[in-house]
Amino acid sequence: MSSRTCPDWPMLMEVAPELQFMHYTVAEAKLPSDALAELQDVSLQDVAVCADLDHNVFYAEHTDPKVAEALRGSHWFELREWATRGPGTASGLS
């Protein structure tokens, strides 16, 4: 486990064991351009996103609220949405 691993990892493993949530700055995460366009008044080096970058899933509780809102308008999923209505439902999660 790295220092970037989300401290809520035990709960996250119960909800989505196939995902790996890490903490990043928005600049590090290289988020989609449509989401970045919504963040004009945000320092991309100073705000955090908790996400599995490979699966385009973020954990809203550990993500800056402005970033979470911008991601909701993109092709990304919030964890609970991913597990209940998105690709995570294929693995039998609810």
PDB file of N, CA and C in Angstrom:
ATOM      1  N   MET A   1       0.845  -1.172   0.000  1.00  0.00           N
ATOM      2  CA  MET A   1       0.000   0.000   0.000  1.00  0.00           C
ATOM      3  C   MET A   1       0.890   1.236   0.000  1.00  0.00           C
ATOM      4  N   SER A   2       0.574   2.187  -0.859  1.00  0.00           N
ATOM      5  CA  SER A   2       1.389   3.392  -0.928  1.00  0.00           C
ATOM      6  C   SER A   2       0.764   4.505  -0.098  1.00  0.00           C
ATOM      7  N   SER A   3       1.510   5.589   0.081  1.00  0.00           N
ATOM      8  CA  SER A   3       1.011   6.726   0.854  1.00  0.00           C
ATOM      9  C   SER A   3      -0.149   7.416   0.147  1.00  0.00           C
ATOM     10  N   ARG A   4      -0.305   7.179  -1.119  1.00  0.00           N
ATOM     11  CA  ARG A   4      -1.415   7.756  -1.868  1.00  0.00           C
ATOM     12  C   ARG A   4      -2.687   6.931  -1.748  1.00  0.00           C
ATOM     13  N   THR A   5      -2.582   5.735  -1.238  1.00  0.00           N
ATOM     14  CA  THR A   5      -3.756   4.885  -1.109  1.00  0.00           C
ATOM     15  C   THR A   5      -4.776   5.561  -0.203  1.00  0.00           C
ATOM     16  N   CYS A   6      -6.028   5.528  -0.617  1.00  0.00           N
ATOM     17  CA  CYS A   6      -7.084   6.160   0.162  1.00  0.00           C
ATOM     18  C   CYS A   6      -7.185   5.504   1.534  1.00  0.00           C
ATOM     19  N   PRO A   7      -7.270   6.303   2.608  1.00  0.00           N
ATOM     20  CA  PRO A   7      -7.373   5.727   3.939  1.00  0.00           C
ATOM     21  C   PRO A   7      -8.683   4.968   4.172  1.00  0.00           C
ATOM     22  N   ASP A   8      -9.663   5.148   3.318  1.00  0.00           N
ATOM     23  CA  ASP A   8     -10.924   4.408   3.421  1.00  0.00           C
ATOM     24  C   ASP A   8     -10.875   3.089   2.649  1.00  0.00           C
ATOM     25  N   TRP A   9      -9.685   2.614   2.310  1.00  0.00           N
ATOM     26  CA  TRP A   9      -9.556   1.438   1.465  1.00  0.00           C
ATOM     27  C   TRP A   9     -10.305   0.211   1.972  1.00  0.00           C
ATOM     28  N   PRO A  10     -10.430  -0.047   3.283  1.00  0.00           N
ATOM     29  CA  PRO A  10     -11.195  -1.249   3.674  1.00  0.00           C
ATOM     30  C   PRO A  10     -12.655  -1.185   3.202  1.00  0.00           C
ATOM     31  N   MET A  11     -13.294  -0.034   3.370  1.00  0.00           N
ATOM     32  CA  MET A  11     -14.673   0.124   2.922  1.00  0.00           C
ATOM     33  C   MET A  11     -14.742   0.085   1.402  1.00  0.00           C
ATOM     34  N   LEU A  12     -13.792   0.729   0.745  1.00  0.00           N
ATOM     35  CA  LEU A  12     -13.787   0.751  -0.708  1.00  0.00           C
ATOM     36  C   LEU A  12     -13.627  -0.650  -1.282  1.00  0.00           C
ATOM     37  N   MET A  13     -12.841  -1.485  -0.633  1.00  0.00           N
ATOM     38  CA  MET A  13     -12.655  -2.871  -1.074  1.00  0.00           C
ATOM     39  C   MET A  13     -13.950  -3.670  -0.963  1.00  0.00           C
ATOM     40  N   GLU A  14     -14.780  -3.333   0.018  1.00  0.00           N
ATOM     41  CA  GLU A  14     -16.072  -4.021   0.150  1.00  0.00           C
ATOM     42  C   GLU A  14     -17.016  -3.622  -0.979  1.00  0.00           C
ATOM     43  N   VAL A  15     -16.992  -2.369  -1.356  1.00  0.00           N
ATOM     44  CA  VAL A  15     -17.892  -1.857  -2.393  1.00  0.00           C
ATOM     45  C   VAL A  15     -17.410  -2.250  -3.789  1.00  0.00           C
ATOM     46  N   ALA A  16     -16.104  -2.134  -4.027  1.00  0.00           N
ATOM     47  CA  ALA A  16     -15.559  -2.373  -5.367  1.00  0.00           C
ATOM     48  C   ALA A  16     -14.163  -2.976  -5.265  1.00  0.00           C
ATOM     49  N   PRO A  17     -14.069  -4.272  -4.984  1.00  0.00           N
ATOM     50  CA  PRO A  17     -12.753  -4.880  -4.765  1.00  0.00           C
ATOM     51  C   PRO A  17     -11.824  -4.835  -5.973  1.00  0.00           C
ATOM     52  N   GLU A  18     -12.360  -4.657  -7.157  1.00  0.00           N
ATOM     53  CA  GLU A  18     -11.521  -4.630  -8.351  1.00  0.00           C
ATOM     54  C   GLU A  18     -10.910  -3.260  -8.632  1.00  0.00           C
ATOM     55  N   LEU A  19     -11.300  -2.256  -7.857  1.00  0.00           N
ATOM     56  CA  LEU A  19     -10.779  -0.905  -8.054  1.00  0.00           C
ATOM     57  C   LEU A  19      -9.699  -0.575  -7.033  1.00  0.00           C
ATOM     58  N   GLN A  20      -8.801   0.325  -7.397  1.00  0.00           N
ATOM     59  CA  GLN A  20      -7.711   0.766  -6.522  1.00  0.00           C
ATOM     60  C   GLN A  20      -7.762   2.286  -6.427  1.00  0.00           C
ATOM     61  N   PHE A  21      -8.248   2.817  -5.312  1.00  0.00           N
ATOM     62  CA  PHE A  21      -8.403   4.259  -5.150  1.00  0.00           C
ATOM     63  C   PHE A  21      -7.151   4.873  -4.547  1.00  0.00           C
ATOM     64  N   MET A  22      -6.663   5.917  -5.227  1.00  0.00           N
ATOM     65  CA  MET A  22      -5.481   6.643  -4.802  1.00  0.00           C
ATOM     66  C   MET A  22      -5.820   8.129  -4.775  1.00  0.00           C
ATOM     67  N   HIS A  23      -5.048   8.889  -4.018  1.00  0.00           N
ATOM     68  CA  HIS A  23      -5.213  10.339  -3.958  1.00  0.00           C
ATOM     69  C   HIS A  23      -4.209  11.001  -4.895  1.00  0.00           C
ATOM     70  N   TYR A  24      -4.699  11.948  -5.699  1.00  0.00           N
ATOM     71  CA  TYR A  24      -3.893  12.682  -6.667  1.00  0.00           C
ATOM     72  C   TYR A  24      -4.273  14.155  -6.624  1.00  0.00           C
ATOM     73  N   THR A  25      -3.386  15.005  -7.114  1.00  0.00           N
ATOM     74  CA  THR A  25      -3.829  16.361  -7.430  1.00  0.00           C
ATOM     75  C   THR A  25      -4.550  16.254  -8.768  1.00  0.00           C
ATOM     76  N   VAL A  26      -5.355  17.246  -9.076  1.00  0.00           N
ATOM     77  CA  VAL A  26      -6.066  17.231 -10.355  1.00  0.00           C
ATOM     78  C   VAL A  26      -5.059  17.236 -11.511  1.00  0.00           C
ATOM     79  N   ALA A  27      -3.985  17.973 -11.364  1.00  0.00           N
ATOM     80  CA  ALA A  27      -2.966  18.015 -12.418  1.00  0.00           C
ATOM     81  C   ALA A  27      -2.364  16.631 -12.657  1.00  0.00           C
ATOM     82  N   GLU A  28      -2.086  15.888 -11.611  1.00  0.00           N
ATOM     83  CA  GLU A  28      -1.519  14.543 -11.748  1.00  0.00           C
ATOM     84  C   GLU A  28      -2.493  13.574 -12.402  1.00  0.00           C
ATOM     85  N   ALA A  29      -3.771  13.730 -12.096  1.00  0.00           N
ATOM     86  CA  ALA A  29      -4.774  12.769 -12.546  1.00  0.00           C
ATOM     87  C   ALA A  29      -5.067  12.852 -14.040  1.00  0.00           C
ATOM     88  N   LYS A  30      -4.739  13.986 -14.664  1.00  0.00           N
ATOM     89  CA  LYS A  30      -4.994  14.142 -16.103  1.00  0.00           C
ATOM     90  C   LYS A  30      -6.450  13.817 -16.432  1.00  0.00           C
ATOM     91  N   LEU A  31      -7.338  14.560 -15.808  1.00  0.00           N
ATOM     92  CA  LEU A  31      -8.771  14.364 -15.978  1.00  0.00           C
ATOM     93  C   LEU A  31      -9.216  14.780 -17.378  1.00  0.00           C
ATOM     94  N   PRO A  32     -10.412  14.355 -17.784  1.00  0.00           N
ATOM     95  CA  PRO A  32     -10.880  14.686 -19.134  1.00  0.00           C
ATOM     96  C   PRO A  32     -11.033  16.195 -19.330  1.00  0.00           C
ATOM     97  N   SER A  33     -10.826  16.630 -20.558  1.00  0.00           N
ATOM     98  CA  SER A  33     -10.846  18.063 -20.854  1.00  0.00           C
ATOM     99  C   SER A  33     -12.192  18.705 -20.561  1.00  0.00           C
ATOM    100  N   ASP A  34     -13.296  17.979 -20.736  1.00  0.00           N
ATOM    101  CA  ASP A  34     -14.598  18.572 -20.439  1.00  0.00           C
ATOM    102  C   ASP A  34     -14.743  18.870 -18.950  1.00  0.00           C
ATOM    103  N   ALA A  35     -14.169  18.038 -18.105  1.00  0.00           N
ATOM    104  CA  ALA A  35     -14.199  18.298 -16.656  1.00  0.00           C
ATOM    105  C   ALA A  35     -13.257  19.445 -16.308  1.00  0.00           C
ATOM    106  N   LEU A  36     -12.068  19.450 -16.895  1.00  0.00           N
ATOM    107  CA  LEU A  36     -11.105  20.516 -16.618  1.00  0.00           C
ATOM    108  C   LEU A  36     -11.647  21.884 -17.022  1.00  0.00           C
ATOM    109  N   ALA A  37     -12.427  21.935 -18.078  1.00  0.00           N
ATOM    110  CA  ALA A  37     -13.001  23.204 -18.534  1.00  0.00           C
ATOM    111  C   ALA A  37     -13.926  23.806 -17.484  1.00  0.00           C
ATOM    112  N   GLU A  38     -14.496  22.971 -16.629  1.00  0.00           N
ATOM    113  CA  GLU A  38     -15.388  23.433 -15.568  1.00  0.00           C
ATOM    114  C   GLU A  38     -14.619  23.937 -14.342  1.00  0.00           C
ATOM    115  N   LEU A  39     -13.317  23.763 -14.321  1.00  0.00           N
ATOM    116  CA  LEU A  39     -12.496  24.079 -13.147  1.00  0.00           C
ATOM    117  C   LEU A  39     -11.609  25.293 -13.373  1.00  0.00           C
ATOM    118  N   GLN A  40     -12.108  26.289 -14.018  1.00  0.00           N
ATOM    119  CA  GLN A  40     -11.297  27.454 -14.354  1.00  0.00           C
ATOM    120  C   GLN A  40     -10.819  28.231 -13.140  1.00  0.00           C
ATOM    121  N   ASP A  41     -11.551  28.216 -12.044  1.00  0.00           N
ATOM    122  CA  ASP A  41     -11.167  28.983 -10.853  1.00  0.00           C
ATOM    123  C   ASP A  41     -10.499  28.121  -9.788  1.00  0.00           C
ATOM    124  N   VAL A  42      -9.977  26.959 -10.180  1.00  0.00           N
ATOM    125  CA  VAL A  42      -9.380  26.003  -9.251  1.00  0.00           C
ATOM    126  C   VAL A  42      -7.905  25.800  -9.604  1.00  0.00           C
ATOM    127  N   SER A  43      -7.039  25.806  -8.598  1.00  0.00           N
ATOM    128  CA  SER A  43      -5.630  25.495  -8.822  1.00  0.00           C
ATOM    129  C   SER A  43      -5.478  23.977  -8.954  1.00  0.00           C
ATOM    130  N   LEU A  44      -5.113  23.528 -10.131  1.00  0.00           N
ATOM    131  CA  LEU A  44      -5.032  22.093 -10.392  1.00  0.00           C
ATOM    132  C   LEU A  44      -3.951  21.402  -9.574  1.00  0.00           C
ATOM    133  N   GLN A  45      -3.004  22.157  -9.039  1.00  0.00           N
ATOM    134  CA  GLN A  45      -1.948  21.604  -8.192  1.00  0.00           C
ATOM    135  C   GLN A  45      -2.368  21.502  -6.730  1.00  0.00           C
ATOM    136  N   ASP A  46      -3.439  22.194  -6.357  1.00  0.00           N
ATOM    137  CA  ASP A  46      -3.805  22.284  -4.950  1.00  0.00           C
ATOM    138  C   ASP A  46      -5.037  21.492  -4.539  1.00  0.00           C
ATOM    139  N   VAL A  47      -5.834  21.032  -5.493  1.00  0.00           N
ATOM    140  CA  VAL A  47      -7.051  20.307  -5.125  1.00  0.00           C
ATOM    141  C   VAL A  47      -6.881  18.825  -5.402  1.00  0.00           C
ATOM    142  N   ALA A  48      -7.594  18.037  -4.622  1.00  0.00           N
ATOM    143  CA  ALA A  48      -7.408  16.588  -4.655  1.00  0.00           C
ATOM    144  C   ALA A  48      -8.579  15.871  -5.307  1.00  0.00           C
ATOM    145  N   VAL A  49      -8.229  14.727  -5.860  1.00  0.00           N
ATOM    146  CA  VAL A  49      -9.220  13.786  -6.369  1.00  0.00           C
ATOM    147  C   VAL A  49      -8.799  12.406  -5.868  1.00  0.00           C
ATOM    148  N   CYS A  50      -9.779  11.660  -5.392  1.00  0.00           N
ATOM    149  CA  CYS A  50      -9.555  10.276  -4.971  1.00  0.00           C
ATOM    150  C   CYS A  50     -10.194   9.427  -6.058  1.00  0.00           C
ATOM    151  N   ALA A  51      -9.379   8.627  -6.750  1.00  0.00           N
ATOM    152  CA  ALA A  51      -9.902   7.951  -7.932  1.00  0.00           C
ATOM    153  C   ALA A  51      -9.136   6.692  -8.287  1.00  0.00           C
ATOM    154  N   ASP A  52      -9.811   5.864  -9.060  1.00  0.00           N
ATOM    155  CA  ASP A  52      -9.165   4.782  -9.793  1.00  0.00           C
ATOM    156  C   ASP A  52      -9.078   5.297 -11.223  1.00  0.00           C
ATOM    157  N   LEU A  53      -7.904   5.747 -11.617  1.00  0.00           N
ATOM    158  CA  LEU A  53      -7.726   6.381 -12.924  1.00  0.00           C
ATOM    159  C   LEU A  53      -7.937   5.412 -14.080  1.00  0.00           C
ATOM    160  N   ASP A  54      -7.620   4.146 -13.874  1.00  0.00           N
ATOM    161  CA  ASP A  54      -7.758   3.164 -14.946  1.00  0.00           C
ATOM    162  C   ASP A  54      -9.218   2.885 -15.307  1.00  0.00           C
ATOM    163  N   HIS A  55     -10.116   3.055 -14.333  1.00  0.00           N
ATOM    164  CA  HIS A  55     -11.529   2.745 -14.553  1.00  0.00           C
ATOM    165  C   HIS A  55     -12.427   3.982 -14.587  1.00  0.00           C
ATOM    166  N   ASN A  56     -11.833   5.178 -14.453  1.00  0.00           N
ATOM    167  CA  ASN A  56     -12.600   6.434 -14.496  1.00  0.00           C
ATOM    168  C   ASN A  56     -13.681   6.479 -13.425  1.00  0.00           C
ATOM    169  N   VAL A  57     -13.273   6.144 -12.206  1.00  0.00           N
ATOM    170  CA  VAL A  57     -14.186   6.151 -11.067  1.00  0.00           C
ATOM    171  C   VAL A  57     -13.567   7.010  -9.978  1.00  0.00           C
ATOM    172  N   PHE A  58     -14.368   7.914  -9.389  1.00  0.00           N
ATOM    173  CA  PHE A  58     -13.884   8.746  -8.292  1.00  0.00           C
ATOM    174  C   PHE A  58     -14.720   8.528  -7.049  1.00  0.00           C
ATOM    175  N   TYR A  59     -14.113   8.814  -5.910  1.00  0.00           N
ATOM    176  CA  TYR A  59     -14.764   8.690  -4.601  1.00  0.00           C
ATOM    177  C   TYR A  59     -15.048  10.106  -4.122  1.00  0.00           C
ATOM    178  N   ALA A  60     -16.306  10.512  -4.179  1.00  0.00           N
ATOM    179  CA  ALA A  60     -16.691  11.902  -3.921  1.00  0.00           C
ATOM    180  C   ALA A  60     -16.337  12.370  -2.513  1.00  0.00           C
ATOM    181  N   GLU A  61     -16.370  11.493  -1.535  1.00  0.00           N
ATOM    182  CA  GLU A  61     -16.102  11.907  -0.155  1.00  0.00           C
ATOM    183  C   GLU A  61     -14.683  12.414   0.049  1.00  0.00           C
ATOM    184  N   HIS A  62     -13.751  12.007  -0.792  1.00  0.00           N
ATOM    185  CA  HIS A  62     -12.356  12.449  -0.676  1.00  0.00           C
ATOM    186  C   HIS A  62     -11.925  13.266  -1.891  1.00  0.00           C
ATOM    187  N   THR A  63     -12.880  13.783  -2.621  1.00  0.00           N
ATOM    188  CA  THR A  63     -12.592  14.588  -3.804  1.00  0.00           C
ATOM    189  C   THR A  63     -13.129  15.989  -3.582  1.00  0.00           C
ATOM    190  N   ASP A  64     -12.354  16.990  -3.967  1.00  0.00           N
ATOM    191  CA  ASP A  64     -12.806  18.368  -3.858  1.00  0.00           C
ATOM    192  C   ASP A  64     -14.198  18.477  -4.497  1.00  0.00           C
ATOM    193  N   PRO A  65     -15.153  19.136  -3.829  1.00  0.00           N
ATOM    194  CA  PRO A  65     -16.523  19.210  -4.351  1.00  0.00           C
ATOM    195  C   PRO A  65     -16.631  19.788  -5.764  1.00  0.00           C
ATOM    196  N   LYS A  66     -15.819  20.774  -6.096  1.00  0.00           N
ATOM    197  CA  LYS A  66     -15.862  21.335  -7.453  1.00  0.00           C
ATOM    198  C   LYS A  66     -15.386  20.317  -8.478  1.00  0.00           C
ATOM    199  N   VAL A  67     -14.386  19.555  -8.117  1.00  0.00           N
ATOM    200  CA  VAL A  67     -13.871  18.522  -9.017  1.00  0.00           C
ATOM    201  C   VAL A  67     -14.912  17.418  -9.186  1.00  0.00           C
ATOM    202  N   ALA A  68     -15.529  17.008  -8.088  1.00  0.00           N
ATOM    203  CA  ALA A  68     -16.561  15.963  -8.156  1.00  0.00           C
ATOM    204  C   ALA A  68     -17.701  16.396  -9.066  1.00  0.00           C
ATOM    205  N   GLU A  69     -18.141  17.625  -8.923  1.00  0.00           N
ATOM    206  CA  GLU A  69     -19.230  18.124  -9.768  1.00  0.00           C
ATOM    207  C   GLU A  69     -18.819  18.136 -11.232  1.00  0.00           C
ATOM    208  N   ALA A  70     -17.609  18.558 -11.516  1.00  0.00           N
ATOM    209  CA  ALA A  70     -17.118  18.572 -12.900  1.00  0.00           C
ATOM    210  C   ALA A  70     -17.036  17.152 -13.462  1.00  0.00           C
ATOM    211  N   LEU A  71     -16.592  16.196 -12.659  1.00  0.00           N
ATOM    212  CA  LEU A  71     -16.488  14.812 -13.130  1.00  0.00           C
ATOM    213  C   LEU A  71     -17.859  14.193 -13.372  1.00  0.00           C
ATOM    214  N   ARG A  72     -18.852  14.591 -12.583  1.00  0.00           N
ATOM    215  CA  ARG A  72     -20.205  14.064 -12.789  1.00  0.00           C
ATOM    216  C   ARG A  72     -20.751  14.445 -14.168  1.00  0.00           C
ATOM    217  N   GLY A  73     -20.260  15.540 -14.730  1.00  0.00           N
ATOM    218  CA  GLY A  73     -20.685  15.963 -16.057  1.00  0.00           C
ATOM    219  C   GLY A  73     -19.878  15.333 -17.182  1.00  0.00           C
ATOM    220  N   SER A  74     -18.978  14.444 -16.829  1.00  0.00           N
ATOM    221  CA  SER A  74     -18.134  13.779 -17.827  1.00  0.00           C
ATOM    222  C   SER A  74     -18.517  12.298 -17.913  1.00  0.00           C
ATOM    223  N   HIS A  75     -17.671  11.527 -18.559  1.00  0.00           N
ATOM    224  CA  HIS A  75     -17.907  10.081 -18.676  1.00  0.00           C
ATOM    225  C   HIS A  75     -17.467   9.301 -17.430  1.00  0.00           C
ATOM    226  N   TRP A  76     -16.963   9.988 -16.415  1.00  0.00           N
ATOM    227  CA  TRP A  76     -16.532   9.344 -15.181  1.00  0.00           C
ATOM    228  C   TRP A  76     -17.725   8.968 -14.315  1.00  0.00           C
ATOM    229  N   PHE A  77     -17.522   7.979 -13.442  1.00  0.00           N
ATOM    230  CA  PHE A  77     -18.530   7.536 -12.494  1.00  0.00           C
ATOM    231  C   PHE A  77     -18.094   7.864 -11.068  1.00  0.00           C
ATOM    232  N   GLU A  78     -19.033   8.264 -10.241  1.00  0.00           N
ATOM    233  CA  GLU A  78     -18.783   8.312  -8.796  1.00  0.00           C
ATOM    234  C   GLU A  78     -18.897   6.870  -8.316  1.00  0.00           C
ATOM    235  N   LEU A  79     -18.181   6.512  -7.272  1.00  0.00           N
ATOM    236  CA  LEU A  79     -18.119   5.128  -6.804  1.00  0.00           C
ATOM    237  C   LEU A  79     -19.499   4.494  -6.643  1.00  0.00           C
ATOM    238  N   ARG A  80     -20.413   5.141  -5.934  1.00  0.00           N
ATOM    239  CA  ARG A  80     -21.739   4.543  -5.688  1.00  0.00           C
ATOM    240  C   ARG A  80     -22.514   4.365  -6.988  1.00  0.00           C
ATOM    241  N   GLU A  81     -22.389   5.305  -7.906  1.00  0.00           N
ATOM    242  CA  GLU A  81     -23.049   5.170  -9.203  1.00  0.00           C
ATOM    243  C   GLU A  81     -22.447   4.000  -9.979  1.00  0.00           C
ATOM    244  N   TRP A  82     -21.122   3.900  -9.967  1.00  0.00           N
ATOM    245  CA  TRP A  82     -20.434   2.816 -10.663  1.00  0.00           C
ATOM    246  C   TRP A  82     -20.899   1.455 -10.145  1.00  0.00           C
ATOM    247  N   ALA A  83     -21.045   1.346  -8.814  1.00  0.00           N
ATOM    248  CA  ALA A  83     -21.392   0.067  -8.201  1.00  0.00           C
ATOM    249  C   ALA A  83     -22.872  -0.285  -8.333  1.00  0.00           C
ATOM    250  N   THR A  84     -23.740   0.710  -8.503  1.00  0.00           N
ATOM    251  CA  THR A  84     -25.172   0.417  -8.534  1.00  0.00           C
ATOM    252  C   THR A  84     -25.798   0.488  -9.921  1.00  0.00           C
ATOM    253  N   ARG A  85     -25.273   1.376 -10.785  1.00  0.00           N
ATOM    254  CA  ARG A  85     -25.870   1.538 -12.112  1.00  0.00           C
ATOM    255  C   ARG A  85     -24.866   1.461 -13.242  1.00  0.00           C
ATOM    256  N   GLY A  86     -23.600   1.468 -12.919  1.00  0.00           N
ATOM    257  CA  GLY A  86     -22.564   1.482 -13.945  1.00  0.00           C
ATOM    258  C   GLY A  86     -21.933   0.124 -14.149  1.00  0.00           C
ATOM    259  N   PRO A  87     -20.720   0.113 -14.669  1.00  0.00           N
ATOM    260  CA  PRO A  87     -20.010  -1.136 -14.962  1.00  0.00           C
ATOM    261  C   PRO A  87     -19.811  -2.053 -13.753  1.00  0.00           C
ATOM    262  N   GLY A  88     -19.807  -1.482 -12.553  1.00  0.00           N
ATOM    263  CA  GLY A  88     -19.616  -2.304 -11.345  1.00  0.00           C
ATOM    264  C   GLY A  88     -20.750  -3.261 -11.084  1.00  0.00           C
ATOM    265  N   THR A  89     -21.909  -3.036 -11.678  1.00  0.00           N
ATOM    266  CA  THR A  89     -23.039  -3.940 -11.479  1.00  0.00           C
ATOM    267  C   THR A  89     -22.791  -5.285 -12.131  1.00  0.00           C
ATOM    268  N   ALA A  90     -21.922  -5.324 -13.125  1.00  0.00           N
ATOM    269  CA  ALA A  90     -21.612  -6.576 -13.799  1.00  0.00           C
ATOM    270  C   ALA A  90     -20.901  -7.570 -12.907  1.00  0.00           C
ATOM    271  N   SER A  91     -20.248  -7.060 -11.847  1.00  0.00           N
ATOM    272  CA  SER A  91     -19.532  -7.960 -10.944  1.00  0.00           C
ATOM    273  C   SER A  91     -20.401  -8.401  -9.786  1.00  0.00           C
ATOM    274  N   GLY A  92     -21.712  -8.102  -9.861  1.00  0.00           N
ATOM    275  CA  GLY A  92     -22.636  -8.571  -8.839  1.00  0.00           C
ATOM    276  C   GLY A  92     -22.753  -7.672  -7.640  1.00  0.00           C
ATOM    277  N   LEU A  93     -22.247  -6.447  -7.709  1.00  0.00           N
ATOM    278  CA  LEU A  93     -22.345  -5.523  -6.590  1.00  0.00           C
ATOM    279  C   LEU A  93     -23.696  -4.841  -6.605  1.00  0.00           C
ATOM    280  N   SER A  94     -24.133  -4.381  -5.441  1.00  0.00           N
ATOM    281  CA  SER A  94     -25.371  -3.601  -5.399  1.00  0.00           C
ATOM    282  C   SER A  94     -25.289  -2.538  -4.342  1.00  0.00           C
TER     283      SER A  94
END
